[in-house]
Amino acid sequence: MLLDEFIEYIKQGREIEFSYKNSKYFISWCNYELKTYSIYSEKKQKILFEGKLIDLLSYKFLEDDCFNDNFEDFAIEYIY
């Protein structure tokens, strides 16, 4: 999957399950009207991020990787 395809799925409001460095995460709508999204950590059992798409794509994970910089490091597992 390419980053552009991933972005389109997010814009469609699809829930996305992915893993990064052996940890699972979920992306979903936070607020449809404001077009904000959230990233939930299964390991930590909490929301790590809430905000706009542009900020989601640059959110820094464990080793300062983000979708914009190192998309290939993220394993997209399911798109609902």
C-alpha atoms as a PDB file:
ATOM      1  CA  MET A   1       0.000   0.000   0.000  1.00  0.00           C
ATOM      2  CA  LEU A   2       1.194   3.504  -0.762  1.00  0.00           C
ATOM      3  CA  LEU A   3       0.944   6.459   1.609  1.00  0.00           C
ATOM      4  CA  ASP A   4      -1.565   8.189  -0.710  1.00  0.00           C
ATOM      5  CA  GLU A   5      -3.893   5.160  -0.553  1.00  0.00           C
ATOM      6  CA  PHE A   6      -3.567   5.081   3.234  1.00  0.00           C
ATOM      7  CA  ILE A   7      -4.505   8.763   3.433  1.00  0.00           C
ATOM      8  CA  GLU A   8      -7.592   8.176   1.281  1.00  0.00           C
ATOM      9  CA  TYR A   9      -8.788   5.408   3.609  1.00  0.00           C
ATOM     10  CA  ILE A  10      -8.356   7.724   6.587  1.00  0.00           C
ATOM     11  CA  LYS A  11     -10.285  10.504   4.836  1.00  0.00           C
ATOM     12  CA  GLN A  12     -13.112   8.037   4.128  1.00  0.00           C
ATOM     13  CA  GLY A  13     -13.424   7.489   7.873  1.00  0.00           C
ATOM     14  CA  ARG A  14     -12.291   3.888   7.731  1.00  0.00           C
ATOM     15  CA  GLU A  15     -10.930   2.319  10.903  1.00  0.00           C
ATOM     16  CA  ILE A  16      -7.393   1.108  10.394  1.00  0.00           C
ATOM     17  CA  GLU A  17      -5.506  -1.427  12.461  1.00  0.00           C
ATOM     18  CA  PHE A  18      -1.739  -1.390  12.090  1.00  0.00           C
ATOM     19  CA  SER A  19       1.409  -2.413  13.884  1.00  0.00           C
ATOM     20  CA  TYR A  20       4.700  -0.701  14.437  1.00  0.00           C
ATOM     21  CA  LYS A  21       7.687  -2.245  16.238  1.00  0.00           C
ATOM     22  CA  ASN A  22       5.571  -5.168  17.525  1.00  0.00           C
ATOM     23  CA  SER A  23       2.849  -2.942  18.990  1.00  0.00           C
ATOM     24  CA  LYS A  24      -0.707  -2.681  17.659  1.00  0.00           C
ATOM     25  CA  TYR A  25      -2.540   0.581  17.041  1.00  0.00           C
ATOM     26  CA  PHE A  26      -5.886   1.740  15.663  1.00  0.00           C
ATOM     27  CA  ILE A  27      -6.852   4.878  13.760  1.00  0.00           C
ATOM     28  CA  SER A  28     -10.463   6.047  13.812  1.00  0.00           C
ATOM     29  CA  TRP A  29     -12.637   9.163  13.647  1.00  0.00           C
ATOM     30  CA  CYS A  30     -12.460  11.300  16.732  1.00  0.00           C
ATOM     31  CA  ASN A  31     -14.941  13.945  15.558  1.00  0.00           C
ATOM     32  CA  TYR A  32     -16.570  13.661  12.139  1.00  0.00           C
ATOM     33  CA  GLU A  33     -17.689  17.303  11.916  1.00  0.00           C
ATOM     34  CA  LEU A  34     -14.253  18.677  12.854  1.00  0.00           C
ATOM     35  CA  LYS A  35     -12.498  16.006  10.764  1.00  0.00           C
ATOM     36  CA  THR A  36     -10.261  14.900  13.588  1.00  0.00           C
ATOM     37  CA  TYR A  37      -8.851  11.440  14.142  1.00  0.00           C
ATOM     38  CA  SER A  38      -7.378   9.414  16.971  1.00  0.00           C
ATOM     39  CA  ILE A  39      -4.596   6.866  17.354  1.00  0.00           C
ATOM     40  CA  TYR A  40      -5.208   4.257  20.031  1.00  0.00           C
ATOM     41  CA  SER A  41      -2.465   2.039  21.486  1.00  0.00           C
ATOM     42  CA  GLU A  42      -3.577  -1.490  22.286  1.00  0.00           C
ATOM     43  CA  LYS A  43      -0.499  -2.057  24.461  1.00  0.00           C
ATOM     44  CA  LYS A  44      -0.983   1.083  26.562  1.00  0.00           C
ATOM     45  CA  GLN A  45      -4.794   0.859  26.436  1.00  0.00           C
ATOM     46  CA  LYS A  46      -5.161   4.577  25.743  1.00  0.00           C
ATOM     47  CA  ILE A  47      -5.499   7.195  23.041  1.00  0.00           C
ATOM     48  CA  LEU A  48      -2.088   8.569  22.110  1.00  0.00           C
ATOM     49  CA  PHE A  49      -3.193  11.220  19.639  1.00  0.00           C
ATOM     50  CA  GLU A  50      -6.273  13.254  18.684  1.00  0.00           C
ATOM     51  CA  GLY A  51      -6.157  15.821  15.911  1.00  0.00           C
ATOM     52  CA  LYS A  52      -6.218  16.744  12.239  1.00  0.00           C
ATOM     53  CA  LEU A  53      -4.996  14.480   9.451  1.00  0.00           C
ATOM     54  CA  ILE A  54      -1.883  16.542   8.766  1.00  0.00           C
ATOM     55  CA  ASP A  55      -0.852  16.175  12.414  1.00  0.00           C
ATOM     56  CA  LEU A  56      -1.702  12.471  12.485  1.00  0.00           C
ATOM     57  CA  LEU A  57       0.644  11.847   9.559  1.00  0.00           C
ATOM     58  CA  SER A  58       3.513  13.556  11.388  1.00  0.00           C
ATOM     59  CA  TYR A  59       2.792  12.046  14.848  1.00  0.00           C
ATOM     60  CA  LYS A  60       6.056  10.598  16.201  1.00  0.00           C
ATOM     61  CA  PHE A  61       5.935   6.989  17.379  1.00  0.00           C
ATOM     62  CA  LEU A  62       8.468   5.081  19.480  1.00  0.00           C
ATOM     63  CA  GLU A  63      11.638   5.811  17.557  1.00  0.00           C
ATOM     64  CA  ASP A  64      10.603   9.139  16.063  1.00  0.00           C
ATOM     65  CA  ASP A  65       9.118   7.450  13.006  1.00  0.00           C
ATOM     66  CA  CYS A  66       5.991   8.951  11.517  1.00  0.00           C
ATOM     67  CA  PHE A  67       3.789   8.007   8.582  1.00  0.00           C
ATOM     68  CA  ASN A  68       5.126  10.865   6.458  1.00  0.00           C
ATOM     69  CA  ASP A  69       8.784   9.934   6.922  1.00  0.00           C
ATOM     70  CA  ASN A  70       8.832   6.138   7.122  1.00  0.00           C
ATOM     71  CA  PHE A  71       5.507   4.741   5.981  1.00  0.00           C
ATOM     72  CA  GLU A  72       7.160   1.442   5.021  1.00  0.00           C
ATOM     73  CA  ASP A  73       7.952   0.786   8.729  1.00  0.00           C
ATOM     74  CA  PHE A  74       4.235   0.498   9.535  1.00  0.00           C
ATOM     75  CA  ALA A  75       2.362  -2.740   8.807  1.00  0.00           C
ATOM     76  CA  ILE A  76      -1.251  -2.075   7.831  1.00  0.00           C
ATOM     77  CA  GLU A  77      -3.173  -5.134   9.017  1.00  0.00           C
ATOM     78  CA  TYR A  78      -6.876  -4.362   8.583  1.00  0.00           C
ATOM     79  CA  ILE A  79      -9.002  -1.629   7.098  1.00  0.00           C
ATOM     80  CA  TYR A  80     -12.636  -1.686   8.232  1.00  0.00           C
END
